[in-house]
Amino acid sequence: MIRSDEPIFKTGQGFRGAFCSSRKGKAGKEVATIKPTATPVLVSACLLGEKCRYNGKGYILPGFRESLQGYNVIPVCPEVMGGLSVPRPPCEIKGGDGKEVWQGRAGVFTDQGRDLTEAFQEGAWKTLQLAIDTGAKTAILKEQSPSCGCNIIYDGSFGNRLVPGVGVAAALLKAKGIEVLAEMEWLNKRRDNFV
């Protein structure tokens, strides 16, 4: 069991637990605290500002963190959970999307041609297991990612071309009945609930 005073993320060690609020910890660093009675939701860690993207950066979307208030946020990065480093070479799915990866008709490759399909699948399975273990029925994932893309991914050419499709983790979560939303879908849904 994760203690409420433990940090949720340590670079190179993966993700440690769930949170929806924070407090100042040692040396004034913000750490997350667990809210066990709140509705659990998986969230791409990069959307929370964690520097876990392929380029070692996080992603800040105005209003996103605030939209998660009241939820038990479970940060995930399927790529890191699959054993990939930060930073890491850019990857794209070749031969289809995440659904085709699971069917064995497509794969995930670096821009240098290295096949990382197994790491992406391992991270997806670990993400699904985390959803099961925490009771999360919703995942808010980073659009365009080869793991987390919910509706749009890059086409596998490394030519910066987007196509309709889902990432490897998103495909598995959807197949197992988890509601998968891109960050803007989540914000629009939250906004619609307050109008």
C-alpha atoms as a PDB file:
ATOM      1  CA  MET A   1       0.000   0.000   0.000  1.00  0.00           C
ATOM      2  CA  ILE A   2       1.241   3.452  -0.842  1.00  0.00           C
ATOM      3  CA  ARG A   3       1.412   5.906   2.029  1.00  0.00           C
ATOM      4  CA  SER A   4      -0.267   9.250   1.530  1.00  0.00           C
ATOM      5  CA  ASP A   5       3.009  11.076   2.183  1.00  0.00           C
ATOM      6  CA  GLU A   6       4.973   9.288  -0.562  1.00  0.00           C
ATOM      7  CA  PRO A   7       5.764  11.121  -3.821  1.00  0.00           C
ATOM      8  CA  ILE A   8       3.892   9.688  -6.774  1.00  0.00           C
ATOM      9  CA  PHE A   9       6.718   9.816  -9.249  1.00  0.00           C
ATOM     10  CA  LYS A  10      10.454   9.472  -9.061  1.00  0.00           C
ATOM     11  CA  THR A  11      12.428   9.732 -12.276  1.00  0.00           C
ATOM     12  CA  GLY A  12      13.591   6.313 -13.381  1.00  0.00           C
ATOM     13  CA  GLN A  13      11.456   4.495 -10.811  1.00  0.00           C
ATOM     14  CA  GLY A  14       8.033   4.664 -12.416  1.00  0.00           C
ATOM     15  CA  PHE A  15       4.797   5.760 -10.858  1.00  0.00           C
ATOM     16  CA  ARG A  16       4.068   5.271  -7.193  1.00  0.00           C
ATOM     17  CA  GLY A  17       0.392   5.898  -6.606  1.00  0.00           C
ATOM     18  CA  ALA A  18      -2.684   8.023  -6.888  1.00  0.00           C
ATOM     19  CA  PHE A  19      -3.459  11.603  -5.985  1.00  0.00           C
ATOM     20  CA  CYS A  20      -5.826  14.461  -6.468  1.00  0.00           C
ATOM     21  CA  SER A  21      -4.344  17.138  -4.239  1.00  0.00           C
ATOM     22  CA  SER A  22      -0.888  18.140  -3.157  1.00  0.00           C
ATOM     23  CA  ARG A  23       1.042  19.559  -0.250  1.00  0.00           C
ATOM     24  CA  LYS A  24       4.567  20.793   0.372  1.00  0.00           C
ATOM     25  CA  GLY A  25       6.963  18.000   1.291  1.00  0.00           C
ATOM     26  CA  LYS A  26      10.655  17.954   2.155  1.00  0.00           C
ATOM     27  CA  ALA A  27      12.595  20.952   0.853  1.00  0.00           C
ATOM     28  CA  GLY A  28       9.305  22.618  -0.125  1.00  0.00           C
ATOM     29  CA  LYS A  29       8.807  20.288  -3.082  1.00  0.00           C
ATOM     30  CA  GLU A  30       5.180  19.637  -3.985  1.00  0.00           C
ATOM     31  CA  VAL A  31       4.105  16.039  -3.449  1.00  0.00           C
ATOM     32  CA  ALA A  32       0.796  14.355  -4.099  1.00  0.00           C
ATOM     33  CA  THR A  33      -1.524  13.004  -1.478  1.00  0.00           C
ATOM     34  CA  ILE A  34      -4.017  10.170  -1.813  1.00  0.00           C
ATOM     35  CA  LYS A  35      -7.771  10.747  -1.610  1.00  0.00           C
ATOM     36  CA  PRO A  36      -9.035   7.155  -1.240  1.00  0.00           C
ATOM     37  CA  THR A  37     -12.768   7.989  -1.409  1.00  0.00           C
ATOM     38  CA  ALA A  38     -12.618   9.977  -4.655  1.00  0.00           C
ATOM     39  CA  THR A  39     -13.453   8.446  -8.047  1.00  0.00           C
ATOM     40  CA  PRO A  40     -10.250   7.004  -9.535  1.00  0.00           C
ATOM     41  CA  VAL A  41      -9.160   8.114 -13.001  1.00  0.00           C
ATOM     42  CA  LEU A  42      -5.986   7.237 -14.912  1.00  0.00           C
ATOM     43  CA  VAL A  43      -4.196  10.264 -16.373  1.00  0.00           C
ATOM     44  CA  SER A  44      -1.176  10.441 -18.665  1.00  0.00           C
ATOM     45  CA  ALA A  45       1.572  11.643 -16.345  1.00  0.00           C
ATOM     46  CA  CYS A  46       2.909  14.059 -18.964  1.00  0.00           C
ATOM     47  CA  LEU A  47      -0.444  15.893 -18.839  1.00  0.00           C
ATOM     48  CA  LEU A  48       0.236  16.499 -15.158  1.00  0.00           C
ATOM     49  CA  GLY A  49       3.553  18.144 -16.030  1.00  0.00           C
ATOM     50  CA  GLU A  50       5.724  15.094 -15.310  1.00  0.00           C
ATOM     51  CA  LYS A  51       8.806  15.149 -17.525  1.00  0.00           C
ATOM     52  CA  CYS A  52       8.273  11.671 -18.952  1.00  0.00           C
ATOM     53  CA  ARG A  53       7.642  12.320 -22.659  1.00  0.00           C
ATOM     54  CA  TYR A  54      10.072  10.962 -25.242  1.00  0.00           C
ATOM     55  CA  ASN A  55      11.874  14.329 -25.294  1.00  0.00           C
ATOM     56  CA  GLY A  56      12.101  14.538 -21.497  1.00  0.00           C
ATOM     57  CA  LYS A  57       9.428  17.215 -21.238  1.00  0.00           C
ATOM     58  CA  GLY A  58       6.021  17.410 -19.625  1.00  0.00           C
ATOM     59  CA  TYR A  59       2.928  19.007 -21.090  1.00  0.00           C
ATOM     60  CA  ILE A  60       0.946  21.802 -19.471  1.00  0.00           C
ATOM     61  CA  LEU A  61      -2.588  22.445 -20.684  1.00  0.00           C
ATOM     62  CA  PRO A  62      -4.261  25.459 -19.042  1.00  0.00           C
ATOM     63  CA  GLY A  63      -7.098  24.399 -16.767  1.00  0.00           C
ATOM     64  CA  PHE A  64      -6.353  20.693 -17.021  1.00  0.00           C
ATOM     65  CA  ARG A  65      -5.038  20.067 -13.510  1.00  0.00           C
ATOM     66  CA  GLU A  66      -7.880  22.119 -12.065  1.00  0.00           C
ATOM     67  CA  SER A  67     -10.405  19.981 -13.977  1.00  0.00           C
ATOM     68  CA  LEU A  68      -9.212  16.948 -11.990  1.00  0.00           C
ATOM     69  CA  GLN A  69     -10.123  18.382  -8.577  1.00  0.00           C
ATOM     70  CA  GLY A  70     -12.212  15.899  -6.645  1.00  0.00           C
ATOM     71  CA  TYR A  71     -10.846  12.871  -8.509  1.00  0.00           C
ATOM     72  CA  ASN A  72      -8.334  10.298  -7.344  1.00  0.00           C
ATOM     73  CA  VAL A  73      -5.777  10.850 -10.110  1.00  0.00           C
ATOM     74  CA  ILE A  74      -3.574   7.883 -10.982  1.00  0.00           C
ATOM     75  CA  PRO A  75      -0.646   9.063 -13.147  1.00  0.00           C
ATOM     76  CA  VAL A  76       0.494   6.645 -15.841  1.00  0.00           C
ATOM     77  CA  CYS A  77       3.117   6.609 -18.554  1.00  0.00           C
ATOM     78  CA  PRO A  78       2.794   3.300 -20.405  1.00  0.00           C
ATOM     79  CA  GLU A  79       6.124   3.854 -22.146  1.00  0.00           C
ATOM     80  CA  VAL A  80       8.041   4.333 -18.890  1.00  0.00           C
ATOM     81  CA  MET A  81       6.033   1.519 -17.293  1.00  0.00           C
ATOM     82  CA  GLY A  82       7.148  -0.672 -20.205  1.00  0.00           C
ATOM     83  CA  GLY A  83      10.789  -0.022 -19.339  1.00  0.00           C
ATOM     84  CA  LEU A  84      11.641   2.781 -21.764  1.00  0.00           C
ATOM     85  CA  SER A  85      13.905   5.608 -20.638  1.00  0.00           C
ATOM     86  CA  VAL A  86      13.376   9.348 -20.400  1.00  0.00           C
ATOM     87  CA  PRO A  87      14.359  10.766 -22.788  1.00  0.00           C
ATOM     88  CA  ARG A  88      13.969   8.106 -25.477  1.00  0.00           C
ATOM     89  CA  PRO A  89      13.939   8.018 -29.268  1.00  0.00           C
ATOM     90  CA  PRO A  90      10.689   9.135 -30.895  1.00  0.00           C
ATOM     91  CA  CYS A  91       8.445   6.204 -31.815  1.00  0.00           C
ATOM     92  CA  GLU A  92       5.538   5.716 -34.186  1.00  0.00           C
ATOM     93  CA  ILE A  93       3.275   2.811 -35.076  1.00  0.00           C
ATOM     94  CA  LYS A  94       3.965   1.351 -38.519  1.00  0.00           C
ATOM     95  CA  GLY A  95       1.375  -0.748 -40.324  1.00  0.00           C
ATOM     96  CA  GLY A  96      -1.743   0.524 -38.599  1.00  0.00           C
ATOM     97  CA  ASP A  97      -2.666   1.662 -35.113  1.00  0.00           C
ATOM     98  CA  GLY A  98      -2.738   0.201 -31.613  1.00  0.00           C
ATOM     99  CA  LYS A  99      -5.520  -2.236 -32.504  1.00  0.00           C
ATOM    100  CA  GLU A 100      -3.381  -3.684 -35.291  1.00  0.00           C
ATOM    101  CA  VAL A 101      -0.409  -3.904 -32.928  1.00  0.00           C
ATOM    102  CA  TRP A 102      -2.447  -6.214 -30.675  1.00  0.00           C
ATOM    103  CA  GLN A 103      -3.483  -8.236 -33.746  1.00  0.00           C
ATOM    104  CA  GLY A 104       0.167  -8.646 -34.747  1.00  0.00           C
ATOM    105  CA  ARG A 105      -0.270  -6.679 -37.988  1.00  0.00           C
ATOM    106  CA  ALA A 106       1.595  -3.518 -36.907  1.00  0.00           C
ATOM    107  CA  GLY A 107       4.517  -2.591 -34.688  1.00  0.00           C
ATOM    108  CA  VAL A 108       6.026   0.327 -32.794  1.00  0.00           C
ATOM    109  CA  PHE A 109       9.396   1.505 -34.091  1.00  0.00           C
ATOM    110  CA  THR A 110      11.914   4.232 -33.311  1.00  0.00           C
ATOM    111  CA  ASP A 111      12.939   6.731 -35.957  1.00  0.00           C
ATOM    112  CA  GLN A 112      16.054   4.548 -36.424  1.00  0.00           C
ATOM    113  CA  GLY A 113      13.988   1.400 -37.089  1.00  0.00           C
ATOM    114  CA  ARG A 114      14.338  -0.341 -33.715  1.00  0.00           C
ATOM    115  CA  ASP A 115      11.270  -2.439 -32.857  1.00  0.00           C
ATOM    116  CA  LEU A 116       9.936  -1.484 -29.407  1.00  0.00           C
ATOM    117  CA  THR A 117       6.549  -3.177 -29.760  1.00  0.00           C
ATOM    118  CA  GLU A 118       7.064  -5.462 -26.759  1.00  0.00           C
ATOM    119  CA  ALA A 119       7.925  -2.559 -24.441  1.00  0.00           C
ATOM    120  CA  PHE A 120       4.798  -0.693 -25.555  1.00  0.00           C
ATOM    121  CA  GLN A 121       2.650  -3.773 -24.987  1.00  0.00           C
ATOM    122  CA  GLU A 122       4.188  -4.414 -21.564  1.00  0.00           C
ATOM    123  CA  GLY A 123       3.476  -0.834 -20.514  1.00  0.00           C
ATOM    124  CA  ALA A 124      -0.090  -1.122 -21.798  1.00  0.00           C
ATOM    125  CA  TRP A 125      -0.674  -4.298 -19.757  1.00  0.00           C
ATOM    126  CA  LYS A 126       0.728  -2.615 -16.634  1.00  0.00           C
ATOM    127  CA  THR A 127      -1.537   0.370 -17.241  1.00  0.00           C
ATOM    128  CA  LEU A 128      -4.561  -1.910 -17.545  1.00  0.00           C
ATOM    129  CA  GLN A 129      -3.566  -3.734 -14.361  1.00  0.00           C
ATOM    130  CA  LEU A 130      -3.324  -0.409 -12.538  1.00  0.00           C
ATOM    131  CA  ALA A 131      -6.837   0.475 -13.730  1.00  0.00           C
ATOM    132  CA  ILE A 132      -8.133  -2.866 -12.448  1.00  0.00           C
ATOM    133  CA  ASP A 133      -6.291  -2.586  -9.124  1.00  0.00           C
ATOM    134  CA  THR A 134      -7.572   0.937  -8.445  1.00  0.00           C
ATOM    135  CA  GLY A 135     -11.060   0.539  -9.897  1.00  0.00           C
ATOM    136  CA  ALA A 136     -10.494   3.273 -12.494  1.00  0.00           C
ATOM    137  CA  LYS A 137     -13.154   3.190 -15.214  1.00  0.00           C
ATOM    138  CA  THR A 138     -11.843   6.244 -17.103  1.00  0.00           C
ATOM    139  CA  ALA A 139      -8.453   7.117 -18.589  1.00  0.00           C
ATOM    140  CA  ILE A 140      -7.478  10.587 -19.788  1.00  0.00           C
ATOM    141  CA  LEU A 141      -4.600  10.108 -22.201  1.00  0.00           C
ATOM    142  CA  LYS A 142      -2.286  12.278 -24.312  1.00  0.00           C
ATOM    143  CA  GLU A 143      -3.562  12.520 -27.861  1.00  0.00           C
ATOM    144  CA  GLN A 144      -1.155  11.698 -30.732  1.00  0.00           C
ATOM    145  CA  SER A 145       1.048   9.416 -28.606  1.00  0.00           C
ATOM    146  CA  PRO A 146       1.874   5.919 -29.934  1.00  0.00           C
ATOM    147  CA  SER A 147       0.818   4.623 -26.497  1.00  0.00           C
ATOM    148  CA  CYS A 148      -1.915   6.993 -25.433  1.00  0.00           C
ATOM    149  CA  GLY A 149      -3.392   8.482 -28.604  1.00  0.00           C
ATOM    150  CA  CYS A 150      -7.177   8.202 -28.318  1.00  0.00           C
ATOM    151  CA  ASN A 151      -8.303   9.303 -31.787  1.00  0.00           C
ATOM    152  CA  ILE A 152      -5.220  10.517 -33.673  1.00  0.00           C
ATOM    153  CA  ILE A 153      -1.666   9.166 -33.981  1.00  0.00           C
ATOM    154  CA  TYR A 154       1.308   9.751 -36.257  1.00  0.00           C
ATOM    155  CA  ASP A 155       1.292   7.635 -39.415  1.00  0.00           C
ATOM    156  CA  GLY A 156       4.579   5.764 -38.918  1.00  0.00           C
ATOM    157  CA  SER A 157       6.556   7.678 -41.548  1.00  0.00           C
ATOM    158  CA  PHE A 158       8.185  10.129 -39.106  1.00  0.00           C
ATOM    159  CA  GLY A 159       7.031  12.815 -41.541  1.00  0.00           C
ATOM    160  CA  ASN A 160       4.912  14.616 -38.920  1.00  0.00           C
ATOM    161  CA  ARG A 161       1.666  13.334 -40.498  1.00  0.00           C
ATOM    162  CA  LEU A 162      -1.336  12.591 -38.301  1.00  0.00           C
ATOM    163  CA  VAL A 163      -3.959   9.939 -39.093  1.00  0.00           C
ATOM    164  CA  PRO A 164      -7.047   8.604 -37.320  1.00  0.00           C
ATOM    165  CA  GLY A 165      -6.122   5.815 -34.915  1.00  0.00           C
ATOM    166  CA  VAL A 166      -5.402   4.829 -31.329  1.00  0.00           C
ATOM    167  CA  GLY A 167      -2.209   4.104 -29.442  1.00  0.00           C
ATOM    168  CA  VAL A 168      -1.230   0.729 -28.004  1.00  0.00           C
ATOM    169  CA  ALA A 169      -2.333   1.387 -24.404  1.00  0.00           C
ATOM    170  CA  ALA A 170      -5.475   3.236 -25.483  1.00  0.00           C
ATOM    171  CA  ALA A 171      -6.494   0.296 -27.684  1.00  0.00           C
ATOM    172  CA  LEU A 172      -6.070  -2.211 -24.840  1.00  0.00           C
ATOM    173  CA  LEU A 173      -7.926  -0.068 -22.308  1.00  0.00           C
ATOM    174  CA  LYS A 174     -10.816   0.483 -24.737  1.00  0.00           C
ATOM    175  CA  ALA A 175     -10.980  -3.244 -25.526  1.00  0.00           C
ATOM    176  CA  LYS A 176     -11.251  -3.984 -21.795  1.00  0.00           C
ATOM    177  CA  GLY A 177     -14.099  -1.524 -21.219  1.00  0.00           C
ATOM    178  CA  ILE A 178     -12.208   1.479 -19.856  1.00  0.00           C
ATOM    179  CA  GLU A 179     -13.535   4.828 -21.093  1.00  0.00           C
ATOM    180  CA  VAL A 180     -10.623   6.507 -22.898  1.00  0.00           C
ATOM    181  CA  LEU A 181     -10.636  10.265 -23.456  1.00  0.00           C
ATOM    182  CA  ALA A 182      -8.091  12.638 -24.953  1.00  0.00           C
ATOM    183  CA  GLU A 183      -7.210  15.659 -22.830  1.00  0.00           C
ATOM    184  CA  MET A 184      -9.413  18.040 -24.852  1.00  0.00           C
ATOM    185  CA  GLU A 185     -12.327  15.575 -24.803  1.00  0.00           C
ATOM    186  CA  TRP A 186     -12.068  15.518 -20.995  1.00  0.00           C
ATOM    187  CA  LEU A 187     -11.978  19.320 -20.741  1.00  0.00           C
ATOM    188  CA  ASN A 188     -14.939  19.670 -23.117  1.00  0.00           C
ATOM    189  CA  LYS A 189     -16.897  17.031 -21.183  1.00  0.00           C
ATOM    190  CA  ARG A 190     -16.194  18.794 -17.875  1.00  0.00           C
ATOM    191  CA  ARG A 191     -17.143  22.160 -19.402  1.00  0.00           C
ATOM    192  CA  ASP A 192     -20.400  20.715 -20.791  1.00  0.00           C
ATOM    193  CA  ASN A 193     -21.303  19.386 -17.334  1.00  0.00           C
ATOM    194  CA  PHE A 194     -21.091  22.902 -15.904  1.00  0.00           C
ATOM    195  CA  VAL A 195     -23.045  24.731 -18.628  1.00  0.00           C
END
